[in-house]
C-alpha atoms as a PDB file:
ATOM      1  CA  MET A   1       0.000   0.000   0.000  1.00  0.00           C
ATOM      2  CA  ASP A   2       1.228   3.469  -0.897  1.00  0.00           C
ATOM      3  CA  PHE A   3       0.564   6.594   1.128  1.00  0.00           C
ATOM      4  CA  ARG A   4       0.225  10.270   0.262  1.00  0.00           C
ATOM      5  CA  ASN A   5      -0.157  13.520   2.129  1.00  0.00           C
ATOM      6  CA  LEU A   6      -3.684  14.871   2.067  1.00  0.00           C
ATOM      7  CA  GLY A   7      -3.155  18.115   0.198  1.00  0.00           C
ATOM      8  CA  GLN A   8      -0.632  20.365   1.883  1.00  0.00           C
ATOM      9  CA  SER A   9      -1.412  18.955   5.328  1.00  0.00           C
ATOM     10  CA  GLY A  10       0.749  16.512   7.227  1.00  0.00           C
ATOM     11  CA  LEU A  11      -2.011  13.894   7.257  1.00  0.00           C
ATOM     12  CA  ARG A  12      -0.861  10.721   5.453  1.00  0.00           C
ATOM     13  CA  VAL A  13      -3.545   8.531   3.906  1.00  0.00           C
ATOM     14  CA  SER A  14      -3.518   5.231   2.041  1.00  0.00           C
ATOM     15  CA  THR A  15      -3.965   5.698  -1.707  1.00  0.00           C
ATOM     16  CA  ILE A  16      -6.943   3.340  -1.596  1.00  0.00           C
ATOM     17  CA  GLY A  17      -9.518   4.302   1.006  1.00  0.00           C
ATOM     18  CA  LEU A  18     -12.477   2.326   2.314  1.00  0.00           C
ATOM     19  CA  GLY A  19     -15.879   3.872   1.684  1.00  0.00           C
ATOM     20  CA  CYS A  20     -18.112   2.894   4.597  1.00  0.00           C
ATOM     21  CA  ASN A  21     -21.535   3.841   3.250  1.00  0.00           C
ATOM     22  CA  ASN A  22     -22.651   0.185   3.066  1.00  0.00           C
ATOM     23  CA  PHE A  23     -22.216  -0.403   6.799  1.00  0.00           C
ATOM     24  CA  GLY A  24     -25.492  -0.470   8.687  1.00  0.00           C
ATOM     25  CA  GLY A  25     -27.453  -0.610   5.430  1.00  0.00           C
ATOM     26  CA  ARG A  26     -26.504  -3.261   2.905  1.00  0.00           C
ATOM     27  CA  LEU A  27     -24.157  -4.819   5.472  1.00  0.00           C
ATOM     28  CA  ASP A  28     -24.966  -6.023   8.983  1.00  0.00           C
ATOM     29  CA  GLU A  29     -22.416  -6.171  11.793  1.00  0.00           C
ATOM     30  CA  ALA A  30     -20.896  -9.479  10.675  1.00  0.00           C
ATOM     31  CA  GLY A  31     -20.482  -8.257   7.106  1.00  0.00           C
ATOM     32  CA  THR A  32     -19.068  -4.953   8.309  1.00  0.00           C
ATOM     33  CA  ARG A  33     -16.562  -6.758  10.506  1.00  0.00           C
ATOM     34  CA  ALA A  34     -15.360  -8.923   7.616  1.00  0.00           C
ATOM     35  CA  VAL A  35     -14.821  -5.939   5.305  1.00  0.00           C
ATOM     36  CA  ILE A  36     -13.103  -3.794   7.952  1.00  0.00           C
ATOM     37  CA  HIS A  37     -10.730  -6.556   9.021  1.00  0.00           C
ATOM     38  CA  LYS A  38      -9.776  -7.307   5.414  1.00  0.00           C
ATOM     39  CA  ALA A  39      -9.089  -3.606   4.824  1.00  0.00           C
ATOM     40  CA  LEU A  40      -6.871  -3.468   7.904  1.00  0.00           C
ATOM     41  CA  ASP A  41      -5.016  -6.609   6.809  1.00  0.00           C
ATOM     42  CA  LEU A  42      -4.302  -5.055   3.407  1.00  0.00           C
ATOM     43  CA  GLY A  43      -2.936  -1.811   4.820  1.00  0.00           C
ATOM     44  CA  ILE A  44      -5.858   0.529   4.142  1.00  0.00           C
ATOM     45  CA  THR A  45      -5.762   3.341   6.678  1.00  0.00           C
ATOM     46  CA  LEU A  46      -8.331   5.839   5.365  1.00  0.00           C
ATOM     47  CA  PHE A  47     -11.851   4.867   6.442  1.00  0.00           C
ATOM     48  CA  ASP A  48     -14.462   7.306   5.154  1.00  0.00           C
ATOM     49  CA  THR A  49     -17.988   7.423   6.566  1.00  0.00           C
ATOM     50  CA  ALA A  50     -20.680  10.011   7.373  1.00  0.00           C
ATOM     51  CA  ASP A  51     -23.263  10.492  10.084  1.00  0.00           C
ATOM     52  CA  VAL A  52     -26.097   9.874   7.583  1.00  0.00           C
ATOM     53  CA  TYR A  53     -24.713   6.579   6.242  1.00  0.00           C
ATOM     54  CA  GLY A  54     -26.529   3.441   7.334  1.00  0.00           C
ATOM     55  CA  ASP A  55     -29.928   5.042   7.800  1.00  0.00           C
ATOM     56  CA  ARG A  56     -28.627   7.955   9.874  1.00  0.00           C
ATOM     57  CA  GLY A  57     -26.025   6.660  12.277  1.00  0.00           C
ATOM     58  CA  GLY A  58     -25.819   2.989  11.410  1.00  0.00           C
ATOM     59  CA  SER A  59     -22.415   3.110   9.714  1.00  0.00           C
ATOM     60  CA  GLU A  60     -20.724   5.030  12.525  1.00  0.00           C
ATOM     61  CA  THR A  61     -22.348   2.802  15.146  1.00  0.00           C
ATOM     62  CA  LEU A  62     -21.118  -0.436  13.565  1.00  0.00           C
ATOM     63  CA  MET A  63     -17.664   0.998  12.989  1.00  0.00           C
ATOM     64  CA  GLY A  64     -17.459   1.949  16.650  1.00  0.00           C
ATOM     65  CA  ARG A  65     -18.336  -1.614  17.668  1.00  0.00           C
ATOM     66  CA  VAL A  66     -15.989  -3.302  15.211  1.00  0.00           C
ATOM     67  CA  LEU A  67     -12.855  -1.165  15.296  1.00  0.00           C
ATOM     68  CA  GLY A  68     -12.044  -1.332  18.991  1.00  0.00           C
ATOM     69  CA  ALA A  69      -8.309  -0.871  19.557  1.00  0.00           C
ATOM     70  CA  ASP A  70      -7.775  -0.810  15.784  1.00  0.00           C
ATOM     71  CA  ARG A  71      -9.285   2.667  15.718  1.00  0.00           C
ATOM     72  CA  LYS A  72      -5.849   4.144  16.520  1.00  0.00           C
ATOM     73  CA  LYS A  73      -4.361   2.446  13.438  1.00  0.00           C
ATOM     74  CA  ILE A  74      -6.567   4.286  10.957  1.00  0.00           C
ATOM     75  CA  ILE A  75      -7.389   7.731   9.632  1.00  0.00           C
ATOM     76  CA  LEU A  76     -11.036   8.024  10.598  1.00  0.00           C
ATOM     77  CA  ALA A  77     -13.005  10.417   8.395  1.00  0.00           C
ATOM     78  CA  THR A  78     -16.650  11.270   8.842  1.00  0.00           C
ATOM     79  CA  LYS A  79     -19.024  14.037   7.783  1.00  0.00           C
ATOM     80  CA  PHE A  80     -21.750  16.346   9.035  1.00  0.00           C
ATOM     81  CA  ALA A  81     -24.317  18.781   7.545  1.00  0.00           C
ATOM     82  CA  ALA A  82     -26.641  16.368   5.692  1.00  0.00           C
ATOM     83  CA  PRO A  83     -30.106  15.996   7.285  1.00  0.00           C
ATOM     84  CA  MET A  84     -30.180  13.666  10.291  1.00  0.00           C
ATOM     85  CA  ASP A  85     -33.895  14.058  11.015  1.00  0.00           C
ATOM     86  CA  GLU A  86     -37.174  14.743   9.250  1.00  0.00           C
ATOM     87  CA  ALA A  87     -37.871  17.975  11.132  1.00  0.00           C
ATOM     88  CA  GLY A  88     -35.006  19.863   9.505  1.00  0.00           C
ATOM     89  CA  GLU A  89     -33.322  20.653  12.818  1.00  0.00           C
ATOM     90  CA  LYS A  90     -30.314  18.343  12.633  1.00  0.00           C
ATOM     91  CA  ILE A  91     -28.721  19.725   9.506  1.00  0.00           C
ATOM     92  CA  GLY A  92     -26.251  22.279   8.231  1.00  0.00           C
ATOM     93  CA  GLY A  93     -23.133  24.072   9.367  1.00  0.00           C
ATOM     94  CA  SER A  94     -24.258  26.329  12.213  1.00  0.00           C
ATOM     95  CA  ARG A  95     -22.206  26.413  15.412  1.00  0.00           C
ATOM     96  CA  ARG A  96     -25.209  25.156  17.347  1.00  0.00           C
ATOM     97  CA  TYR A  97     -25.590  22.088  15.163  1.00  0.00           C
ATOM     98  CA  ILE A  98     -21.901  21.298  14.655  1.00  0.00           C
ATOM     99  CA  MET A  99     -21.299  21.109  18.392  1.00  0.00           C
ATOM    100  CA  GLN A 100     -24.131  18.590  18.699  1.00  0.00           C
ATOM    101  CA  ALA A 101     -23.251  16.631  15.558  1.00  0.00           C
ATOM    102  CA  VAL A 102     -19.629  16.044  16.516  1.00  0.00           C
ATOM    103  CA  GLU A 103     -20.571  14.723  19.964  1.00  0.00           C
ATOM    104  CA  ASP A 104     -23.111  12.363  18.388  1.00  0.00           C
ATOM    105  CA  SER A 105     -20.520  11.054  15.912  1.00  0.00           C
ATOM    106  CA  LEU A 106     -17.865  10.632  18.612  1.00  0.00           C
ATOM    107  CA  ARG A 107     -20.320   8.639  20.716  1.00  0.00           C
ATOM    108  CA  ARG A 108     -21.377   6.365  17.863  1.00  0.00           C
ATOM    109  CA  LEU A 109     -17.778   5.837  16.728  1.00  0.00           C
ATOM    110  CA  GLN A 110     -16.653   5.173  20.308  1.00  0.00           C
ATOM    111  CA  THR A 111     -13.677   7.493  19.970  1.00  0.00           C
ATOM    112  CA  ASP A 112     -12.581  10.809  21.422  1.00  0.00           C
ATOM    113  CA  TYR A 113     -11.291  12.355  18.186  1.00  0.00           C
ATOM    114  CA  ILE A 114     -11.974  12.422  14.457  1.00  0.00           C
ATOM    115  CA  ASP A 115      -9.023  12.615  12.077  1.00  0.00           C
ATOM    116  CA  LEU A 116     -10.869  14.291   9.204  1.00  0.00           C
ATOM    117  CA  TYR A 117     -14.216  16.010   9.828  1.00  0.00           C
ATOM    118  CA  GLN A 118     -15.863  16.962   6.537  1.00  0.00           C
ATOM    119  CA  MET A 119     -18.756  19.253   5.753  1.00  0.00           C
ATOM    120  CA  HIS A 120     -20.912  16.967   3.625  1.00  0.00           C
ATOM    121  CA  ARG A 121     -22.654  19.676   1.655  1.00  0.00           C
ATOM    122  CA  VAL A 122     -23.120  23.419   1.436  1.00  0.00           C
ATOM    123  CA  ASP A 123     -25.307  25.158   3.998  1.00  0.00           C
ATOM    124  CA  PRO A 124     -26.787  28.221   2.237  1.00  0.00           C
ATOM    125  CA  LEU A 125     -28.217  29.584   5.506  1.00  0.00           C
ATOM    126  CA  THR A 126     -25.011  29.801   7.552  1.00  0.00           C
ATOM    127  CA  PRO A 127     -22.040  32.096   6.856  1.00  0.00           C
ATOM    128  CA  ILE A 128     -18.903  30.060   6.181  1.00  0.00           C
ATOM    129  CA  GLU A 129     -17.040  32.055   8.851  1.00  0.00           C
ATOM    130  CA  GLU A 130     -19.404  30.735  11.525  1.00  0.00           C
ATOM    131  CA  THR A 131     -18.870  27.167  10.331  1.00  0.00           C
ATOM    132  CA  LEU A 132     -15.087  27.533  10.207  1.00  0.00           C
ATOM    133  CA  ARG A 133     -14.903  29.155  13.648  1.00  0.00           C
ATOM    134  CA  ALA A 134     -16.852  26.256  15.153  1.00  0.00           C
ATOM    135  CA  LEU A 135     -14.620  23.708  13.401  1.00  0.00           C
ATOM    136  CA  ASP A 136     -11.513  25.635  14.472  1.00  0.00           C
ATOM    137  CA  ASP A 137     -12.691  25.377  18.079  1.00  0.00           C
ATOM    138  CA  LEU A 138     -13.075  21.595  17.693  1.00  0.00           C
ATOM    139  CA  ILE A 139      -9.500  21.367  16.410  1.00  0.00           C
ATOM    140  CA  ARG A 140      -8.223  23.421  19.325  1.00  0.00           C
ATOM    141  CA  GLN A 141     -10.168  21.185  21.718  1.00  0.00           C
ATOM    142  CA  GLY A 142      -8.548  18.080  20.206  1.00  0.00           C
ATOM    143  CA  LYS A 143     -11.843  16.552  19.092  1.00  0.00           C
ATOM    144  CA  VAL A 144     -10.976  17.015  15.411  1.00  0.00           C
ATOM    145  CA  ARG A 145      -7.531  16.873  13.779  1.00  0.00           C
ATOM    146  CA  TYR A 146      -8.245  18.179  10.250  1.00  0.00           C
ATOM    147  CA  ILE A 147     -11.280  19.476   8.376  1.00  0.00           C
ATOM    148  CA  GLY A 148     -12.483  19.091   4.798  1.00  0.00           C
ATOM    149  CA  CYS A 149     -15.431  19.873   2.560  1.00  0.00           C
ATOM    150  CA  SER A 150     -17.504  17.786   0.179  1.00  0.00           C
ATOM    151  CA  ASN A 151     -19.693  18.728  -2.768  1.00  0.00           C
ATOM    152  CA  PHE A 152     -18.662  22.394  -2.634  1.00  0.00           C
ATOM    153  CA  PRO A 153     -18.478  24.346  -5.901  1.00  0.00           C
ATOM    154  CA  ALA A 154     -15.019  25.739  -6.669  1.00  0.00           C
ATOM    155  CA  TRP A 155     -15.914  29.334  -5.807  1.00  0.00           C
ATOM    156  CA  MET A 156     -17.106  28.306  -2.344  1.00  0.00           C
ATOM    157  CA  MET A 157     -13.873  26.390  -1.743  1.00  0.00           C
ATOM    158  CA  VAL A 158     -11.957  29.556  -2.599  1.00  0.00           C
ATOM    159  CA  ASP A 159     -14.220  31.645  -0.366  1.00  0.00           C
ATOM    160  CA  ALA A 160     -13.742  29.212   2.526  1.00  0.00           C
ATOM    161  CA  ALA A 161      -9.962  29.231   2.103  1.00  0.00           C
ATOM    162  CA  TRP A 162      -9.866  33.049   1.965  1.00  0.00           C
ATOM    163  CA  THR A 163     -12.102  33.305   5.048  1.00  0.00           C
ATOM    164  CA  ALA A 164      -9.939  30.906   7.051  1.00  0.00           C
ATOM    165  CA  ARG A 165      -6.723  32.672   6.149  1.00  0.00           C
ATOM    166  CA  SER A 166      -8.043  36.190   6.705  1.00  0.00           C
ATOM    167  CA  CYS A 167      -9.544  35.236  10.077  1.00  0.00           C
ATOM    168  CA  GLY A 168      -6.576  33.174  11.283  1.00  0.00           C
ATOM    169  CA  LEU A 169      -8.569  29.942  11.412  1.00  0.00           C
ATOM    170  CA  ASN A 170      -7.763  26.353  10.509  1.00  0.00           C
ATOM    171  CA  GLY A 171      -9.092  25.785   6.998  1.00  0.00           C
ATOM    172  CA  PHE A 172     -10.152  22.868   4.877  1.00  0.00           C
ATOM    173  CA  VAL A 173      -7.312  20.598   3.755  1.00  0.00           C
ATOM    174  CA  SER A 174      -9.376  18.451   1.389  1.00  0.00           C
ATOM    175  CA  CYS A 175     -12.412  18.224  -0.824  1.00  0.00           C
ATOM    176  CA  GLN A 176     -14.424  15.084  -1.551  1.00  0.00           C
ATOM    177  CA  ASP A 177     -16.269  15.080  -4.856  1.00  0.00           C
ATOM    178  CA  GLU A 178     -17.460  12.764  -7.600  1.00  0.00           C
ATOM    179  CA  TYR A 179     -14.706  12.214 -10.147  1.00  0.00           C
ATOM    180  CA  SER A 180     -14.067   9.395 -12.598  1.00  0.00           C
ATOM    181  CA  LEU A 181     -13.222   8.704 -16.218  1.00  0.00           C
ATOM    182  CA  ILE A 182     -16.942   9.041 -16.885  1.00  0.00           C
ATOM    183  CA  HIS A 183     -17.595  12.127 -14.745  1.00  0.00           C
ATOM    184  CA  ARG A 184     -14.878  14.696 -15.427  1.00  0.00           C
ATOM    185  CA  ASP A 185     -16.733  17.927 -14.696  1.00  0.00           C
ATOM    186  CA  PRO A 186     -14.384  18.699 -11.744  1.00  0.00           C
ATOM    187  CA  GLU A 187     -11.602  19.325 -14.275  1.00  0.00           C
ATOM    188  CA  ILE A 188     -13.345  22.519 -15.395  1.00  0.00           C
ATOM    189  CA  ASP A 189     -12.802  24.548 -12.240  1.00  0.00           C
ATOM    190  CA  LEU A 190     -12.874  22.445  -9.062  1.00  0.00           C
ATOM    191  CA  ILE A 191      -9.576  20.646  -9.631  1.00  0.00           C
ATOM    192  CA  PRO A 192      -7.696  23.795 -10.711  1.00  0.00           C
ATOM    193  CA  ALA A 193      -9.029  25.488  -7.563  1.00  0.00           C
ATOM    194  CA  ALA A 194      -7.987  22.546  -5.385  1.00  0.00           C
ATOM    195  CA  ARG A 195      -4.479  22.633  -6.827  1.00  0.00           C
ATOM    196  CA  LYS A 196      -4.167  26.360  -6.233  1.00  0.00           C
ATOM    197  CA  LEU A 197      -5.507  26.109  -2.682  1.00  0.00           C
ATOM    198  CA  GLY A 198      -3.453  23.045  -1.787  1.00  0.00           C
ATOM    199  CA  PHE A 199      -6.503  20.855  -1.128  1.00  0.00           C
ATOM    200  CA  GLY A 200      -6.199  17.092  -1.452  1.00  0.00           C
ATOM    201  CA  LEU A 201      -8.959  15.543  -3.575  1.00  0.00           C
ATOM    202  CA  LEU A 202     -10.776  12.423  -2.406  1.00  0.00           C
ATOM    203  CA  PRO A 203     -12.844  11.209  -5.378  1.00  0.00           C
ATOM    204  CA  TYR A 204     -15.982   9.193  -4.728  1.00  0.00           C
ATOM    205  CA  PHE A 205     -17.947   7.089  -7.255  1.00  0.00           C
ATOM    206  CA  PRO A 206     -14.619   6.202  -8.951  1.00  0.00           C
ATOM    207  CA  LEU A 207     -16.396   3.468 -10.907  1.00  0.00           C
ATOM    208  CA  ALA A 208     -19.296   5.660 -12.042  1.00  0.00           C
ATOM    209  CA  SER A 209     -21.682   3.610  -9.892  1.00  0.00           C
ATOM    210  CA  GLY A 210     -20.418   0.413 -11.527  1.00  0.00           C
ATOM    211  CA  LEU A 211     -20.238   1.306 -15.216  1.00  0.00           C
ATOM    212  CA  LEU A 212     -16.433   1.112 -15.070  1.00  0.00           C
ATOM    213  CA  THR A 213     -16.358  -2.349 -13.499  1.00  0.00           C
ATOM    214  CA  GLY A 214     -16.836  -4.105 -16.844  1.00  0.00           C
ATOM    215  CA  LYS A 215     -19.798  -6.137 -15.601  1.00  0.00           C
ATOM    216  CA  TYR A 216     -22.357  -4.303 -17.735  1.00  0.00           C
ATOM    217  CA  ARG A 217     -22.882  -4.794 -21.462  1.00  0.00           C
ATOM    218  CA  ARG A 218     -24.872  -2.648 -23.853  1.00  0.00           C
ATOM    219  CA  ASN A 219     -28.190  -4.227 -24.958  1.00  0.00           C
ATOM    220  CA  VAL A 220     -27.798  -6.960 -22.328  1.00  0.00           C
ATOM    221  CA  ALA A 221     -30.113  -7.231 -19.316  1.00  0.00           C
ATOM    222  CA  LEU A 222     -28.691  -5.582 -16.205  1.00  0.00           C
ATOM    223  CA  PRO A 223     -27.451  -8.158 -13.679  1.00  0.00           C
ATOM    224  CA  THR A 224     -29.919  -8.766 -10.853  1.00  0.00           C
ATOM    225  CA  GLY A 225     -29.006  -7.081  -7.590  1.00  0.00           C
ATOM    226  CA  THR A 226     -26.710  -4.484  -9.163  1.00  0.00           C
ATOM    227  CA  ARG A 227     -26.983  -0.774  -8.473  1.00  0.00           C
ATOM    228  CA  PHE A 228     -28.251   0.088 -11.950  1.00  0.00           C
ATOM    229  CA  ALA A 229     -30.846  -2.677 -11.866  1.00  0.00           C
ATOM    230  CA  GLY A 230     -32.187  -1.453  -8.539  1.00  0.00           C
ATOM    231  CA  THR A 231     -31.956   2.320  -8.951  1.00  0.00           C
ATOM    232  CA  GLN A 232     -33.509   3.705 -12.112  1.00  0.00           C
ATOM    233  CA  ARG A 233     -32.247   7.261 -11.608  1.00  0.00           C
ATOM    234  CA  LEU A 234     -28.645   6.016 -11.607  1.00  0.00           C
ATOM    235  CA  ALA A 235     -29.240   3.941 -14.719  1.00  0.00           C
ATOM    236  CA  ASP A 236     -30.781   6.944 -16.468  1.00  0.00           C
ATOM    237  CA  ARG A 237     -27.850   9.138 -15.477  1.00  0.00           C
ATOM    238  CA  TYR A 238     -24.951   6.860 -16.371  1.00  0.00           C
ATOM    239  CA  LEU A 239     -26.192   4.472 -19.063  1.00  0.00           C
ATOM    240  CA  THR A 240     -26.168   6.946 -21.923  1.00  0.00           C
ATOM    241  CA  GLU A 241     -25.008   6.219 -25.461  1.00  0.00           C
ATOM    242  CA  ARG A 242     -21.925   8.401 -24.942  1.00  0.00           C
ATOM    243  CA  ASN A 243     -20.962   6.564 -21.753  1.00  0.00           C
ATOM    244  CA  TRP A 244     -21.555   3.126 -23.279  1.00  0.00           C
ATOM    245  CA  ALA A 245     -19.286   3.993 -26.187  1.00  0.00           C
ATOM    246  CA  MET A 246     -16.593   5.327 -23.884  1.00  0.00           C
ATOM    247  CA  ALA A 247     -16.725   2.257 -21.635  1.00  0.00           C
ATOM    248  CA  GLU A 248     -16.407  -0.019 -24.662  1.00  0.00           C
ATOM    249  CA  ARG A 249     -13.363   1.868 -25.977  1.00  0.00           C
ATOM    250  CA  LEU A 250     -11.715   1.720 -22.558  1.00  0.00           C
ATOM    251  CA  GLY A 251     -12.620  -1.962 -22.287  1.00  0.00           C
ATOM    252  CA  ASP A 252     -10.720  -2.668 -25.499  1.00  0.00           C
ATOM    253  CA  PHE A 253      -7.762  -0.664 -24.134  1.00  0.00           C
ATOM    254  CA  VAL A 254      -7.427  -2.730 -20.956  1.00  0.00           C
ATOM    255  CA  GLU A 255      -8.073  -6.040 -22.704  1.00  0.00           C
ATOM    256  CA  THR A 256      -5.078  -5.587 -24.992  1.00  0.00           C
ATOM    257  CA  ARG A 257      -2.898  -5.008 -21.914  1.00  0.00           C
ATOM    258  CA  GLY A 258      -4.170  -7.872 -19.806  1.00  0.00           C
ATOM    259  CA  ARG A 259      -5.690  -5.441 -17.308  1.00  0.00           C
ATOM    260  CA  THR A 260      -9.202  -4.799 -15.982  1.00  0.00           C
ATOM    261  CA  MET A 261     -11.514  -1.800 -16.065  1.00  0.00           C
ATOM    262  CA  LEU A 262     -11.263  -1.633 -12.271  1.00  0.00           C
ATOM    263  CA  GLU A 263      -7.486  -1.263 -12.503  1.00  0.00           C
ATOM    264  CA  LEU A 264      -7.794   1.446 -15.119  1.00  0.00           C
ATOM    265  CA  ALA A 265     -10.418   3.426 -13.197  1.00  0.00           C
ATOM    266  CA  PHE A 266      -8.389   3.535  -9.981  1.00  0.00           C
ATOM    267  CA  SER A 267      -4.950   3.955 -11.501  1.00  0.00           C
ATOM    268  CA  TRP A 268      -6.098   6.764 -13.791  1.00  0.00           C
ATOM    269  CA  LEU A 269      -7.491   8.650 -10.799  1.00  0.00           C
ATOM    270  CA  LEU A 270      -4.284   8.176  -8.817  1.00  0.00           C
ATOM    271  CA  ALA A 271      -2.375   9.710 -11.728  1.00  0.00           C
ATOM    272  CA  GLN A 272      -4.393  12.924 -11.406  1.00  0.00           C
ATOM    273  CA  GLN A 273      -3.018  15.652  -9.182  1.00  0.00           C
ATOM    274  CA  PRO A 274      -4.193  16.475  -6.443  1.00  0.00           C
ATOM    275  CA  VAL A 275      -5.895  13.095  -5.836  1.00  0.00           C
ATOM    276  CA  ALA A 276      -4.675  11.730  -2.495  1.00  0.00           C
ATOM    277  CA  SER A 277      -6.800   8.605  -2.098  1.00  0.00           C
ATOM    278  CA  VAL A 278      -9.564   6.865  -4.033  1.00  0.00           C
ATOM    279  CA  ILE A 279     -12.612   6.164  -1.865  1.00  0.00           C
ATOM    280  CA  ALA A 280     -14.019   2.744  -2.749  1.00  0.00           C
ATOM    281  CA  GLY A 281     -16.851   0.915  -1.037  1.00  0.00           C
ATOM    282  CA  ALA A 282     -17.124  -2.847  -0.626  1.00  0.00           C
ATOM    283  CA  THR A 283     -19.700  -5.362   0.511  1.00  0.00           C
ATOM    284  CA  ARG A 284     -17.358  -8.365   0.541  1.00  0.00           C
ATOM    285  CA  PRO A 285     -13.725  -8.875   1.615  1.00  0.00           C
ATOM    286  CA  GLU A 286     -12.852 -10.005  -1.924  1.00  0.00           C
ATOM    287  CA  GLN A 287     -13.898  -6.594  -3.248  1.00  0.00           C
ATOM    288  CA  VAL A 288     -11.479  -4.908  -0.863  1.00  0.00           C
ATOM    289  CA  GLU A 289      -8.685  -7.090  -2.253  1.00  0.00           C
ATOM    290  CA  GLN A 290      -9.663  -6.187  -5.809  1.00  0.00           C
ATOM    291  CA  ASN A 291      -9.710  -2.472  -4.968  1.00  0.00           C
ATOM    292  CA  VAL A 292      -6.244  -2.557  -3.420  1.00  0.00           C
ATOM    293  CA  LYS A 293      -4.820  -4.493  -6.352  1.00  0.00           C
ATOM    294  CA  ALA A 294      -6.440  -2.083  -8.807  1.00  0.00           C
ATOM    295  CA  GLY A 295      -4.468   0.860  -7.480  1.00  0.00           C
ATOM    296  CA  SER A 296      -1.079  -0.733  -8.151  1.00  0.00           C
ATOM    297  CA  TRP A 297      -0.983  -0.113 -11.922  1.00  0.00           C
ATOM    298  CA  VAL A 298       1.195   2.923 -12.673  1.00  0.00           C
ATOM    299  CA  LEU A 299       0.149   4.253 -16.063  1.00  0.00           C
ATOM    300  CA  SER A 300       2.901   5.508 -18.340  1.00  0.00           C
ATOM    301  CA  ALA A 301       2.716   8.951 -19.936  1.00  0.00           C
ATOM    302  CA  GLU A 302       1.821   7.317 -23.246  1.00  0.00           C
ATOM    303  CA  GLU A 303      -0.920   5.232 -21.657  1.00  0.00           C
ATOM    304  CA  LEU A 304      -2.370   8.278 -19.908  1.00  0.00           C
ATOM    305  CA  GLU A 305      -2.433  10.187 -23.168  1.00  0.00           C
ATOM    306  CA  GLU A 306      -4.201   7.312 -24.912  1.00  0.00           C
ATOM    307  CA  VAL A 307      -6.746   6.893 -22.117  1.00  0.00           C
ATOM    308  CA  ASN A 308      -7.553  10.598 -22.151  1.00  0.00           C
ATOM    309  CA  ARG A 309      -8.007  10.464 -25.912  1.00  0.00           C
ATOM    310  CA  LEU A 310     -10.357   7.483 -25.685  1.00  0.00           C
ATOM    311  CA  ALA A 311     -12.314   9.048 -22.835  1.00  0.00           C
ATOM    312  CA  SER A 312     -12.790  12.388 -24.592  1.00  0.00           C
ATOM    313  CA  ALA A 313     -13.778  11.061 -28.017  1.00  0.00           C
ATOM    314  CA  PRO A 314     -17.399  11.859 -28.986  1.00  0.00           C
END
């Protein structure tokens, strides 16, 4: 396993991270335990969850039960700001809510600190200075080590960085956003902003919800139990003619090299600066092994050029 600094911070993370959104939902405690232990055995240190994962609290709760003493071996990342109730009270980035949300996460995770505390989404009702001052207090109290943002537009990342620096506060060191060979919108302005600001990028949905796994075929029935078969909105979003054609071109590319689409998807992301770690979920220990192996392919400059050409063709 390789490790990288998260942006310009001193936080070192494994280049393959474990996405923990399945815990407490698709996976029960036994399944969660199997996946976590396999990840630990393979050297994964970045474990990424959120308070809302697992039907609002389930993922953090199971992780707290399973990790035990192993908690100190990992970089534990979680998130706040997404709605945690139906009343609209447990949501956002206000000081009042952050101070409650962090205590709830610490209790569920059975820990006294969070390595990376990320704002899951923008709060249009709260000034970013209020949010950053509350998070700065948590860092000074030792409850949080580093802070990051997720799903922020580039201009809001810049605004947050400027606010932190001008007010003498700890600022975000990372951003977590969707990025893959299929979804390259971040290259327009988010990635240039992240590079300029020194943010580390943690891409999620690296496989475009499964399209880049190679298990789907155009004009063939979707496999039962897969994400596209069970969620029509995802199928409508990703299974377009353009994306099918791109996936087929990339499939031919990896086949001629004795590689897999999974290897290409992860290795291409790890070749993009400022990607620090690829967040990948798993429901079985074997998937964790596949994810770790996938990140070991170092693409040459010629291969990167060819992949980019194939991915950008109409």
